C-alpha atoms as a PDB file:
ATOM      1  CA  UNK A   1       2.325 -15.137 139.191  1.00  0.00           C
ATOM      2  CA  UNK A   2      -0.876 -14.084 141.012  1.00  0.00           C
ATOM      3  CA  UNK A   3      -2.545 -13.973 137.767  1.00  0.00           C
ATOM      4  CA  UNK A   4      -1.617 -17.219 137.008  1.00  0.00           C
ATOM      5  CA  UNK A   5      -2.700 -18.648 140.228  1.00  0.00           C
ATOM      6  CA  UNK A   6      -6.570 -17.020 139.621  1.00  0.00           C
ATOM      7  CA  UNK A   7      -6.628 -18.337 136.301  1.00  0.00           C
ATOM      8  CA  UNK A   8      -6.031 -21.625 136.879  1.00  0.00           C
ATOM      9  CA  UNK A   9      -8.253 -22.001 139.920  1.00  0.00           C
ATOM     10  CA  UNK A  10     -10.882 -20.169 137.716  1.00  0.00           C
ATOM     11  CA  UNK A  11     -10.458 -22.443 134.797  1.00  0.00           C
ATOM     12  CA  UNK A  12     -13.090 -25.107 133.997  1.00  0.00           C
ATOM     13  CA  UNK A  13     -11.153 -28.282 134.873  1.00  0.00           C
ATOM     14  CA  UNK A  14     -10.164 -26.902 138.136  1.00  0.00           C
ATOM     15  CA  UNK A  15     -13.711 -25.857 139.079  1.00  0.00           C
ATOM     16  CA  UNK A  16     -15.187 -29.320 138.046  1.00  0.00           C
ATOM     17  CA  UNK A  17     -12.608 -31.209 139.950  1.00  0.00           C
ATOM     18  CA  UNK A  18     -13.220 -28.724 143.169  1.00  0.00           C
ATOM     19  CA  UNK A  19     -17.064 -29.787 142.250  1.00  0.00           C
ATOM     20  CA  UNK A  20     -16.436 -33.423 142.539  1.00  0.00           C
ATOM     21  CA  UNK A  21     -14.163 -32.858 146.195  1.00  0.00           C
ATOM     22  CA  UNK A  22     -16.973 -31.312 147.756  1.00  0.00           C
ATOM     23  CA  UNK A  23     -19.473 -33.426 146.391  1.00  0.00           C
ATOM     24  CA  UNK A  24     -17.633 -36.347 147.651  1.00  0.00           C
ATOM     25  CA  UNK A  25     -17.142 -34.927 150.854  1.00  0.00           C
ATOM     26  CA  UNK A  26     -20.536 -33.834 151.503  1.00  0.00           C
ATOM     27  CA  UNK A  27     -21.533 -37.639 150.674  1.00  0.00           C
ATOM     28  CA  UNK A  28     -23.390 -36.770 147.843  1.00  0.00           C
ATOM     29  CA  UNK A  29     -25.093 -39.507 145.636  1.00  0.00           C
ATOM     30  CA  UNK A  30     -23.437 -37.989 142.437  1.00  0.00           C
ATOM     31  CA  UNK A  31     -21.052 -41.015 140.633  1.00  0.00           C
ATOM     32  CA  UNK A  32     -19.629 -41.040 137.088  1.00  0.00           C
ATOM     33  CA  UNK A  33     -20.146 -45.018 136.146  1.00  0.00           C
ATOM     34  CA  UNK A  34     -16.562 -47.218 136.253  1.00  0.00           C
ATOM     35  CA  UNK A  35     -17.214 -47.722 132.892  1.00  0.00           C
ATOM     36  CA  UNK A  36     -17.501 -44.336 131.641  1.00  0.00           C
ATOM     37  CA  UNK A  37     -14.750 -43.169 133.842  1.00  0.00           C
ATOM     38  CA  UNK A  38     -12.190 -46.018 131.983  1.00  0.00           C
ATOM     39  CA  UNK A  39     -13.407 -44.362 128.560  1.00  0.00           C
ATOM     40  CA  UNK A  40     -12.646 -41.365 129.351  1.00  0.00           C
ATOM     41  CA  UNK A  41      -9.023 -42.089 130.812  1.00  0.00           C
ATOM     42  CA  UNK A  42      -8.702 -44.023 127.615  1.00  0.00           C
ATOM     43  CA  UNK A  43      -9.697 -40.960 125.400  1.00  0.00           C
ATOM     44  CA  UNK A  44      -7.348 -38.581 127.243  1.00  0.00           C
ATOM     45  CA  UNK A  45      -4.354 -41.095 126.852  1.00  0.00           C
ATOM     46  CA  UNK A  46      -4.687 -41.575 123.061  1.00  0.00           C
ATOM     47  CA  UNK A  47      -5.403 -38.199 122.809  1.00  0.00           C
ATOM     48  CA  UNK A  48      -2.066 -36.659 124.568  1.00  0.00           C
ATOM     49  CA  UNK A  49      -0.186 -39.654 122.892  1.00  0.00           C
ATOM     50  CA  UNK A  50      -1.331 -39.387 119.261  1.00  0.00           C
ATOM     51  CA  UNK A  51      -0.766 -35.250 119.643  1.00  0.00           C
ATOM     52  CA  UNK A  52       2.453 -35.682 120.941  1.00  0.00           C
ATOM     53  CA  UNK A  53       3.913 -38.318 118.166  1.00  0.00           C
ATOM     54  CA  UNK A  54       2.442 -36.032 115.366  1.00  0.00           C
ATOM     55  CA  UNK A  55       4.530 -32.896 117.106  1.00  0.00           C
ATOM     56  CA  UNK A  56       7.941 -35.141 116.951  1.00  0.00           C
ATOM     57  CA  UNK A  57       6.977 -36.109 113.600  1.00  0.00           C
ATOM     58  CA  UNK A  58       7.080 -32.471 112.612  1.00  0.00           C
ATOM     59  CA  UNK A  59       9.830 -31.541 114.883  1.00  0.00           C
ATOM     60  CA  UNK A  60      12.116 -34.449 114.136  1.00  0.00           C
ATOM     61  CA  UNK A  61      14.468 -36.280 116.437  1.00  0.00           C
ATOM     62  CA  UNK A  62      17.417 -34.402 118.131  1.00  0.00           C
ATOM     63  CA  UNK A  63      19.859 -34.215 120.817  1.00  0.00           C
ATOM     64  CA  UNK A  64      17.203 -32.448 122.870  1.00  0.00           C
ATOM     65  CA  UNK A  65      14.713 -35.228 122.717  1.00  0.00           C
ATOM     66  CA  UNK A  66      16.996 -37.551 123.554  1.00  0.00           C
ATOM     67  CA  UNK A  67      18.714 -35.229 126.330  1.00  0.00           C
ATOM     68  CA  UNK A  68      14.839 -34.734 128.091  1.00  0.00           C
ATOM     69  CA  UNK A  69      14.335 -38.545 127.393  1.00  0.00           C
ATOM     70  CA  UNK A  70      17.560 -39.105 129.520  1.00  0.00           C
ATOM     71  CA  UNK A  71      16.707 -36.371 132.055  1.00  0.00           C
ATOM     72  CA  UNK A  72      13.240 -37.893 132.629  1.00  0.00           C
ATOM     73  CA  UNK A  73      14.387 -41.103 133.230  1.00  0.00           C
ATOM     74  CA  UNK A  74      17.543 -39.911 135.469  1.00  0.00           C
ATOM     75  CA  UNK A  75      14.633 -37.840 137.577  1.00  0.00           C
ATOM     76  CA  UNK A  76      12.461 -40.944 138.300  1.00  0.00           C
ATOM     77  CA  UNK A  77      15.395 -42.748 139.489  1.00  0.00           C
ATOM     78  CA  UNK A  78      16.469 -40.694 141.461  1.00  0.00           C
ATOM     79  CA  UNK A  79      13.654 -38.447 143.054  1.00  0.00           C
ATOM     80  CA  UNK A  80      12.070 -42.071 144.738  1.00  0.00           C
ATOM     81  CA  UNK A  81      15.290 -42.077 146.843  1.00  0.00           C
ATOM     82  CA  UNK A  82      15.068 -38.548 147.826  1.00  0.00           C
ATOM     83  CA  UNK A  83      11.568 -39.139 148.993  1.00  0.00           C
ATOM     84  CA  UNK A  84      12.596 -42.193 150.879  1.00  0.00           C
ATOM     85  CA  UNK A  85      15.278 -40.450 152.880  1.00  0.00           C
ATOM     86  CA  UNK A  86      12.710 -37.788 154.087  1.00  0.00           C
ATOM     87  CA  UNK A  87      10.168 -39.710 154.952  1.00  0.00           C
ATOM     88  CA  UNK A  88      12.694 -41.819 157.002  1.00  0.00           C
ATOM     89  CA  UNK A  89      13.970 -38.773 158.703  1.00  0.00           C
ATOM     90  CA  UNK A  90      10.575 -37.063 159.488  1.00  0.00           C
ATOM     91  CA  UNK A  91       8.215 -39.538 159.826  1.00  0.00           C
ATOM     92  CA  UNK A  92       7.519 -43.177 161.323  1.00  0.00           C
ATOM     93  CA  UNK A  93       6.126 -44.853 158.774  1.00  0.00           C
ATOM     94  CA  UNK A  94       7.496 -48.061 158.345  1.00  0.00           C
ATOM     95  CA  UNK A  95       9.955 -48.860 155.841  1.00  0.00           C
ATOM     96  CA  UNK A  96       8.016 -50.514 152.960  1.00  0.00           C
ATOM     97  CA  UNK A  97       5.037 -47.859 153.682  1.00  0.00           C
ATOM     98  CA  UNK A  98       7.744 -45.508 153.005  1.00  0.00           C
ATOM     99  CA  UNK A  99       9.504 -47.216 149.872  1.00  0.00           C
ATOM    100  CA  UNK A 100       5.748 -47.240 148.676  1.00  0.00           C
ATOM    101  CA  UNK A 101       4.953 -43.692 149.010  1.00  0.00           C
ATOM    102  CA  UNK A 102       8.328 -43.125 147.355  1.00  0.00           C
ATOM    103  CA  UNK A 103       7.789 -44.955 144.363  1.00  0.00           C
ATOM    104  CA  UNK A 104       4.572 -42.547 143.889  1.00  0.00           C
ATOM    105  CA  UNK A 105       6.580 -39.191 144.023  1.00  0.00           C
ATOM    106  CA  UNK A 106       9.339 -40.611 141.388  1.00  0.00           C
ATOM    107  CA  UNK A 107       6.685 -41.695 138.700  1.00  0.00           C
ATOM    108  CA  UNK A 108       4.193 -39.629 137.299  1.00  0.00           C
ATOM    109  CA  UNK A 109       0.352 -38.176 137.019  1.00  0.00           C
ATOM    110  CA  UNK A 110      -0.521 -38.486 133.590  1.00  0.00           C
ATOM    111  CA  UNK A 111      -3.753 -36.332 134.247  1.00  0.00           C
ATOM    112  CA  UNK A 112      -1.418 -34.212 136.193  1.00  0.00           C
ATOM    113  CA  UNK A 113       0.226 -33.707 133.079  1.00  0.00           C
ATOM    114  CA  UNK A 114      -2.540 -33.309 130.946  1.00  0.00           C
ATOM    115  CA  UNK A 115      -3.844 -30.125 133.299  1.00  0.00           C
ATOM    116  CA  UNK A 116      -0.434 -28.807 132.857  1.00  0.00           C
ATOM    117  CA  UNK A 117      -0.376 -28.878 129.056  1.00  0.00           C
ATOM    118  CA  UNK A 118      -3.746 -27.263 128.950  1.00  0.00           C
ATOM    119  CA  UNK A 119      -2.603 -24.162 131.452  1.00  0.00           C
ATOM    120  CA  UNK A 120       0.769 -23.951 129.110  1.00  0.00           C
ATOM    121  CA  UNK A 121      -1.294 -23.308 126.224  1.00  0.00           C
ATOM    122  CA  UNK A 122      -3.777 -21.062 127.737  1.00  0.00           C
ATOM    123  CA  UNK A 123      -0.880 -19.036 129.000  1.00  0.00           C
ATOM    124  CA  UNK A 124       0.269 -18.639 125.438  1.00  0.00           C
ATOM    125  CA  UNK A 125       2.910 -21.060 125.534  1.00  0.00           C
ATOM    126  CA  UNK A 126       4.665 -23.595 123.312  1.00  0.00           C
ATOM    127  CA  UNK A 127       5.685 -26.821 124.681  1.00  0.00           C
ATOM    128  CA  UNK A 128       7.795 -29.714 122.768  1.00  0.00           C
ATOM    129  CA  UNK A 129       5.437 -32.471 121.485  1.00  0.00           C
ATOM    130  CA  UNK A 130       8.010 -34.994 122.573  1.00  0.00           C
ATOM    131  CA  UNK A 131       7.540 -34.394 126.511  1.00  0.00           C
ATOM    132  CA  UNK A 132       4.931 -37.281 125.860  1.00  0.00           C
ATOM    133  CA  UNK A 133       7.835 -39.581 125.453  1.00  0.00           C
ATOM    134  CA  UNK A 134       9.673 -38.441 128.562  1.00  0.00           C
ATOM    135  CA  UNK A 135       6.500 -38.645 130.604  1.00  0.00           C
ATOM    136  CA  UNK A 136       6.133 -42.482 128.844  1.00  0.00           C
ATOM    137  CA  UNK A 137       9.475 -42.690 130.183  1.00  0.00           C
ATOM    138  CA  UNK A 138       9.256 -41.594 133.588  1.00  0.00           C
ATOM    139  CA  UNK A 139       6.364 -44.551 134.680  1.00  0.00           C
ATOM    140  CA  UNK A 140       8.521 -47.408 135.436  1.00  0.00           C
ATOM    141  CA  UNK A 141      12.127 -46.194 136.884  1.00  0.00           C
ATOM    142  CA  UNK A 142      10.572 -44.778 140.037  1.00  0.00           C
ATOM    143  CA  UNK A 143       8.973 -48.612 140.538  1.00  0.00           C
ATOM    144  CA  UNK A 144      12.535 -50.127 140.099  1.00  0.00           C
ATOM    145  CA  UNK A 145      13.928 -47.874 142.638  1.00  0.00           C
ATOM    146  CA  UNK A 146      11.204 -48.400 145.377  1.00  0.00           C
ATOM    147  CA  UNK A 147      11.518 -52.068 145.244  1.00  0.00           C
ATOM    148  CA  UNK A 148      15.392 -52.278 145.754  1.00  0.00           C
ATOM    149  CA  UNK A 149      14.482 -49.698 148.891  1.00  0.00           C
ATOM    150  CA  UNK A 150      11.982 -52.433 149.744  1.00  0.00           C
ATOM    151  CA  UNK A 151      14.274 -55.308 149.257  1.00  0.00           C
ATOM    152  CA  UNK A 152      17.116 -53.725 151.180  1.00  0.00           C
ATOM    153  CA  UNK A 153      14.866 -52.998 153.921  1.00  0.00           C
ATOM    154  CA  UNK A 154      13.702 -56.810 153.938  1.00  0.00           C
ATOM    155  CA  UNK A 155      17.206 -58.499 153.796  1.00  0.00           C
ATOM    156  CA  UNK A 156      18.228 -55.868 156.843  1.00  0.00           C
ATOM    157  CA  UNK A 157      14.924 -57.199 158.675  1.00  0.00           C
ATOM    158  CA  UNK A 158      15.871 -60.992 157.535  1.00  0.00           C
ATOM    159  CA  UNK A 159      12.651 -61.427 155.415  1.00  0.00           C
ATOM    160  CA  UNK A 160      13.847 -60.872 151.863  1.00  0.00           C
ATOM    161  CA  UNK A 161      12.782 -63.785 150.896  1.00  0.00           C
ATOM    162  CA  UNK A 162       9.056 -63.782 152.256  1.00  0.00           C
ATOM    163  CA  UNK A 163       6.360 -62.109 150.153  1.00  0.00           C
ATOM    164  CA  UNK A 164       8.910 -61.478 146.922  1.00  0.00           C
ATOM    165  CA  UNK A 165       7.102 -61.775 143.946  1.00  0.00           C
ATOM    166  CA  UNK A 166       8.469 -63.135 140.815  1.00  0.00           C
ATOM    167  CA  UNK A 167      10.663 -60.500 138.652  1.00  0.00           C
ATOM    168  CA  UNK A 168       8.951 -61.697 135.535  1.00  0.00           C
ATOM    169  CA  UNK A 169       5.496 -61.125 136.544  1.00  0.00           C
ATOM    170  CA  UNK A 170       6.477 -57.739 138.048  1.00  0.00           C
ATOM    171  CA  UNK A 171       8.136 -56.447 135.050  1.00  0.00           C
ATOM    172  CA  UNK A 172       5.190 -57.462 132.996  1.00  0.00           C
ATOM    173  CA  UNK A 173       3.176 -55.626 135.199  1.00  0.00           C
ATOM    174  CA  UNK A 174       5.191 -52.189 135.042  1.00  0.00           C
ATOM    175  CA  UNK A 175       5.934 -52.441 130.994  1.00  0.00           C
ATOM    176  CA  UNK A 176       2.365 -53.639 130.406  1.00  0.00           C
ATOM    177  CA  UNK A 177       0.401 -51.280 131.988  1.00  0.00           C
ATOM    178  CA  UNK A 178      -2.642 -50.108 130.354  1.00  0.00           C
ATOM    179  CA  UNK A 179      -1.620 -46.813 130.600  1.00  0.00           C
ATOM    180  CA  UNK A 180       1.780 -47.088 129.460  1.00  0.00           C
ATOM    181  CA  UNK A 181       0.802 -49.333 126.162  1.00  0.00           C
ATOM    182  CA  UNK A 182      -1.704 -46.923 125.051  1.00  0.00           C
ATOM    183  CA  UNK A 183      -0.141 -43.402 125.726  1.00  0.00           C
ATOM    184  CA  UNK A 184       3.118 -45.370 123.912  1.00  0.00           C
ATOM    185  CA  UNK A 185       1.052 -46.740 121.166  1.00  0.00           C
ATOM    186  CA  UNK A 186      -0.525 -43.612 120.396  1.00  0.00           C
ATOM    187  CA  UNK A 187       2.671 -41.605 120.280  1.00  0.00           C
ATOM    188  CA  UNK A 188       4.047 -44.112 118.066  1.00  0.00           C
ATOM    189  CA  UNK A 189       0.783 -43.621 115.798  1.00  0.00           C
ATOM    190  CA  UNK A 190       1.264 -40.297 115.924  1.00  0.00           C
ATOM    191  CA  UNK A 191       4.679 -40.260 115.083  1.00  0.00           C
ATOM    192  CA  UNK A 192       4.029 -42.160 111.709  1.00  0.00           C
ATOM    193  CA  UNK A 193       1.039 -40.686 110.380  1.00  0.00           C
ATOM    194  CA  UNK A 194       2.092 -37.014 111.284  1.00  0.00           C
ATOM    195  CA  UNK A 195       0.363 -33.950 110.426  1.00  0.00           C
ATOM    196  CA  UNK A 196      -1.753 -35.962 107.906  1.00  0.00           C
ATOM    197  CA  UNK A 197      -3.052 -38.357 110.530  1.00  0.00           C
ATOM    198  CA  UNK A 198      -3.819 -35.557 113.096  1.00  0.00           C
ATOM    199  CA  UNK A 199      -6.048 -33.951 110.571  1.00  0.00           C
ATOM    200  CA  UNK A 200      -7.864 -37.049 110.245  1.00  0.00           C
ATOM    201  CA  UNK A 201      -8.423 -37.364 113.714  1.00  0.00           C
ATOM    202  CA  UNK A 202      -8.859 -34.079 114.916  1.00  0.00           C
ATOM    203  CA  UNK A 203     -12.287 -33.975 114.803  1.00  0.00           C
ATOM    204  CA  UNK A 204     -12.287 -36.711 117.765  1.00  0.00           C
ATOM    205  CA  UNK A 205      -9.150 -36.300 119.603  1.00  0.00           C
ATOM    206  CA  UNK A 206      -8.645 -32.733 119.433  1.00  0.00           C
ATOM    207  CA  UNK A 207     -12.214 -30.881 119.257  1.00  0.00           C
ATOM    208  CA  UNK A 208     -13.798 -32.682 122.102  1.00  0.00           C
ATOM    209  CA  UNK A 209     -10.460 -32.593 124.714  1.00  0.00           C
ATOM    210  CA  UNK A 210     -11.402 -29.953 127.207  1.00  0.00           C
ATOM    211  CA  UNK A 211     -14.740 -31.152 127.739  1.00  0.00           C
ATOM    212  CA  UNK A 212     -13.630 -34.655 127.949  1.00  0.00           C
ATOM    213  CA  UNK A 213     -10.919 -33.407 130.506  1.00  0.00           C
ATOM    214  CA  UNK A 214     -13.560 -31.552 132.598  1.00  0.00           C
ATOM    215  CA  UNK A 215     -15.694 -34.737 133.044  1.00  0.00           C
ATOM    216  CA  UNK A 216     -12.685 -36.802 133.938  1.00  0.00           C
ATOM    217  CA  UNK A 217     -11.507 -34.323 136.582  1.00  0.00           C
ATOM    218  CA  UNK A 218     -14.838 -34.529 137.966  1.00  0.00           C
ATOM    219  CA  UNK A 219     -15.005 -38.270 138.299  1.00  0.00           C
ATOM    220  CA  UNK A 220     -11.057 -37.597 139.919  1.00  0.00           C
ATOM    221  CA  UNK A 221     -12.839 -35.329 142.477  1.00  0.00           C
ATOM    222  CA  UNK A 222     -14.906 -37.648 143.465  1.00  0.00           C
ATOM    223  CA  UNK A 223     -12.378 -40.395 143.715  1.00  0.00           C
ATOM    224  CA  UNK A 224     -10.124 -37.883 145.987  1.00  0.00           C
ATOM    225  CA  UNK A 225     -12.952 -36.933 147.971  1.00  0.00           C
ATOM    226  CA  UNK A 226     -14.128 -40.439 148.974  1.00  0.00           C
ATOM    227  CA  UNK A 227     -10.335 -41.249 149.452  1.00  0.00           C
ATOM    228  CA  UNK A 228      -9.737 -38.084 151.958  1.00  0.00           C
ATOM    229  CA  UNK A 229     -13.083 -39.478 154.174  1.00  0.00           C
ATOM    230  CA  UNK A 230     -11.952 -43.184 154.249  1.00  0.00           C
ATOM    231  CA  UNK A 231      -7.980 -42.563 154.768  1.00  0.00           C
ATOM    232  CA  UNK A 232      -7.317 -39.162 156.404  1.00  0.00           C
ATOM    233  CA  UNK A 233      -6.979 -41.045 159.938  1.00  0.00           C
ATOM    234  CA  UNK A 234      -3.778 -42.555 158.361  1.00  0.00           C
ATOM    235  CA  UNK A 235      -2.264 -39.400 157.292  1.00  0.00           C
ATOM    236  CA  UNK A 236      -0.214 -38.158 160.758  1.00  0.00           C
ATOM    237  CA  UNK A 237       0.948 -34.430 160.383  1.00  0.00           C
ATOM    238  CA  UNK A 238       4.807 -35.239 159.171  1.00  0.00           C
ATOM    239  CA  UNK A 239       3.052 -37.580 156.314  1.00  0.00           C
ATOM    240  CA  UNK A 240       0.402 -34.870 155.627  1.00  0.00           C
ATOM    241  CA  UNK A 241       2.907 -32.283 155.013  1.00  0.00           C
ATOM    242  CA  UNK A 242       4.975 -34.244 152.927  1.00  0.00           C
ATOM    243  CA  UNK A 243       2.587 -34.857 150.635  1.00  0.00           C
ATOM    244  CA  UNK A 244       2.138 -31.041 150.082  1.00  0.00           C
ATOM    245  CA  UNK A 245       6.054 -30.319 149.926  1.00  0.00           C
ATOM    246  CA  UNK A 246       7.514 -33.096 147.964  1.00  0.00           C
ATOM    247  CA  UNK A 247       6.113 -31.862 144.925  1.00  0.00           C
ATOM    248  CA  UNK A 248       8.297 -28.680 145.279  1.00  0.00           C
ATOM    249  CA  UNK A 249      11.318 -30.955 145.977  1.00  0.00           C
ATOM    250  CA  UNK A 250      10.781 -32.543 142.820  1.00  0.00           C
ATOM    251  CA  UNK A 251       9.860 -29.431 140.890  1.00  0.00           C
ATOM    252  CA  UNK A 252      13.458 -28.398 142.321  1.00  0.00           C
ATOM    253  CA  UNK A 253      15.432 -30.956 141.322  1.00  0.00           C
ATOM    254  CA  UNK A 254      13.677 -31.197 137.343  1.00  0.00           C
ATOM    255  CA  UNK A 255      14.385 -27.177 137.181  1.00  0.00           C
ATOM    256  CA  UNK A 256      18.189 -27.719 137.630  1.00  0.00           C
ATOM    257  CA  UNK A 257      17.855 -30.876 135.329  1.00  0.00           C
ATOM    258  CA  UNK A 258      15.997 -28.527 132.684  1.00  0.00           C
ATOM    259  CA  UNK A 259      18.804 -25.848 132.578  1.00  0.00           C
ATOM    260  CA  UNK A 260      21.251 -27.328 130.569  1.00  0.00           C
ATOM    261  CA  UNK A 261      18.433 -29.108 128.130  1.00  0.00           C
ATOM    262  CA  UNK A 262      17.753 -26.042 126.114  1.00  0.00           C
ATOM    263  CA  UNK A 263      14.171 -26.592 126.562  1.00  0.00           C
ATOM    264  CA  UNK A 264      11.272 -23.730 125.855  1.00  0.00           C
ATOM    265  CA  UNK A 265       9.149 -21.964 128.495  1.00  0.00           C
ATOM    266  CA  UNK A 266       6.308 -24.508 127.850  1.00  0.00           C
ATOM    267  CA  UNK A 267       8.743 -27.848 127.842  1.00  0.00           C
ATOM    268  CA  UNK A 268      10.530 -26.672 131.220  1.00  0.00           C
ATOM    269  CA  UNK A 269       7.408 -26.272 132.617  1.00  0.00           C
ATOM    270  CA  UNK A 270       5.963 -29.710 131.620  1.00  0.00           C
ATOM    271  CA  UNK A 271       9.050 -31.493 132.861  1.00  0.00           C
ATOM    272  CA  UNK A 272       9.068 -29.644 136.008  1.00  0.00           C
ATOM    273  CA  UNK A 273       5.246 -30.698 136.355  1.00  0.00           C
ATOM    274  CA  UNK A 274       6.034 -34.307 135.613  1.00  0.00           C
ATOM    275  CA  UNK A 275       8.900 -34.584 138.237  1.00  0.00           C
ATOM    276  CA  UNK A 276       6.131 -32.936 140.779  1.00  0.00           C
ATOM    277  CA  UNK A 277       3.345 -35.183 140.030  1.00  0.00           C
ATOM    278  CA  UNK A 278       2.812 -38.348 142.067  1.00  0.00           C
ATOM    279  CA  UNK A 279       1.301 -41.461 140.258  1.00  0.00           C
ATOM    280  CA  UNK A 280      -2.410 -42.703 141.392  1.00  0.00           C
ATOM    281  CA  UNK A 281      -2.670 -45.540 138.725  1.00  0.00           C
ATOM    282  CA  UNK A 282       0.497 -47.353 137.365  1.00  0.00           C
ATOM    283  CA  UNK A 283       2.003 -47.467 140.676  1.00  0.00           C
ATOM    284  CA  UNK A 284      -0.636 -48.464 143.174  1.00  0.00           C
ATOM    285  CA  UNK A 285      -1.107 -51.719 140.422  1.00  0.00           C
ATOM    286  CA  UNK A 286       2.701 -52.544 140.748  1.00  0.00           C
ATOM    287  CA  UNK A 287       2.694 -52.017 144.601  1.00  0.00           C
ATOM    288  CA  UNK A 288      -0.200 -54.514 144.897  1.00  0.00           C
ATOM    289  CA  UNK A 289       1.849 -56.795 143.220  1.00  0.00           C
ATOM    290  CA  UNK A 290       5.123 -56.334 144.549  1.00  0.00           C
ATOM    291  CA  UNK A 291       4.707 -54.977 148.273  1.00  0.00           C
ATOM    292  CA  UNK A 292       1.110 -56.277 149.291  1.00  0.00           C
ATOM    293  CA  UNK A 293       2.236 -54.902 152.993  1.00  0.00           C
ATOM    294  CA  UNK A 294       1.895 -51.870 152.017  1.00  0.00           C
ATOM    295  CA  UNK A 295      -1.103 -49.460 153.151  1.00  0.00           C
ATOM    296  CA  UNK A 296      -3.094 -48.290 150.240  1.00  0.00           C
ATOM    297  CA  UNK A 297      -4.798 -45.989 152.366  1.00  0.00           C
ATOM    298  CA  UNK A 298      -1.614 -44.113 152.794  1.00  0.00           C
ATOM    299  CA  UNK A 299      -0.109 -44.071 149.805  1.00  0.00           C
ATOM    300  CA  UNK A 300      -2.878 -43.850 147.606  1.00  0.00           C
ATOM    301  CA  UNK A 301      -4.640 -41.208 149.826  1.00  0.00           C
ATOM    302  CA  UNK A 302      -1.394 -38.897 149.601  1.00  0.00           C
ATOM    303  CA  UNK A 303      -0.878 -39.102 146.081  1.00  0.00           C
ATOM    304  CA  UNK A 304      -4.433 -38.672 145.036  1.00  0.00           C
ATOM    305  CA  UNK A 305      -6.249 -36.983 147.724  1.00  0.00           C
ATOM    306  CA  UNK A 306      -3.395 -34.151 148.945  1.00  0.00           C
ATOM    307  CA  UNK A 307      -0.469 -33.923 146.131  1.00  0.00           C
ATOM    308  CA  UNK A 308      -2.916 -34.191 143.302  1.00  0.00           C
ATOM    309  CA  UNK A 309      -5.214 -31.419 144.557  1.00  0.00           C
ATOM    310  CA  UNK A 310      -2.110 -28.995 145.231  1.00  0.00           C
ATOM    311  CA  UNK A 311      -0.598 -29.391 142.082  1.00  0.00           C
ATOM    312  CA  UNK A 312      -4.114 -28.996 140.189  1.00  0.00           C
ATOM    313  CA  UNK A 313      -4.810 -25.998 141.853  1.00  0.00           C
ATOM    314  CA  UNK A 314      -1.362 -24.030 142.969  1.00  0.00           C
ATOM    315  CA  UNK A 315       1.333 -26.146 141.837  1.00  0.00           C
ATOM    316  CA  UNK A 316       0.815 -25.785 137.890  1.00  0.00           C
ATOM    317  CA  UNK A 317       1.031 -21.877 137.766  1.00  0.00           C
ATOM    318  CA  UNK A 318       3.955 -21.939 140.315  1.00  0.00           C
ATOM    319  CA  UNK A 319       5.729 -24.337 137.776  1.00  0.00           C
ATOM    320  CA  UNK A 320       4.864 -22.470 134.739  1.00  0.00           C
ATOM    321  CA  UNK A 321       6.131 -19.010 136.705  1.00  0.00           C
ATOM    322  CA  UNK A 322       9.033 -20.992 137.865  1.00  0.00           C
ATOM    323  CA  UNK A 323       9.982 -21.911 133.920  1.00  0.00           C
ATOM    324  CA  UNK A 324       9.452 -18.674 132.671  1.00  0.00           C
ATOM    325  CA  UNK A 325      11.871 -17.333 135.181  1.00  0.00           C
ATOM    326  CA  UNK A 326      14.355 -19.930 133.811  1.00  0.00           C
ATOM    327  CA  UNK A 327      14.241 -19.780 130.761  1.00  0.00           C
END
């Protein structure tokens, strides 16, 4: 476990994230242009989706794949409810803020998933490619659970008709989110073209992957540092603590679900990582539309400024060690 932690903390992707975080906290003028950051994100989504699809093409659809997808959806539906109950009992957050935070912890961080995939590979483990499909499935259910919790709170307060967005617009926002569309689309293309397609695009989607990931995590460090500078006053002690222990709660639930699925150690580690991560791209976009009263200074700072660095530095090695112990 100690060796895993040290290897992760001294890996280039973590060190570049730490560089960005330190630069932002020190108020450096270092910046990654927004257009470049978006291009890097598009590249990562395309690469991980395509490689996952090509892997499924070689593996084929079987009961394990179907079971993993169903398990991922169930985790995404249930974890926000668990998070909401914890927040309601341990913090003084308003109900709508608690529902918005809960949505982030039921959905997933695709960047955490990519970083975990690299850590799994460097640990000498092999993961099932169809975990990419599980990641895509786990984006949306958490949002629906959080909106159900928020709607219940609004009805209880007698304000259920106020501020509600048309359900059609919300569903479109969720399903057509750019990261979901590209990840799913690249997965399908990789599935159709298989090993031959992967060989064709390998010089672009495989060889430069780690360097692009380092640059992207440098930008993530800058964003996280600025978020902490701007929003740390909103994070009281119990709320801050939630951002550190909730990933472990999600990981524990995923570990229980992973046992009967027959996943490899690498696949189990990735499923646990998905359940332990917190979204900071897809869910904030949906929350701005559906719960405009909720405060981004709380839910975005918590997911990106607290949980993401924890998972990137200490969480991923812990999840890999847990997966190896389970399998």
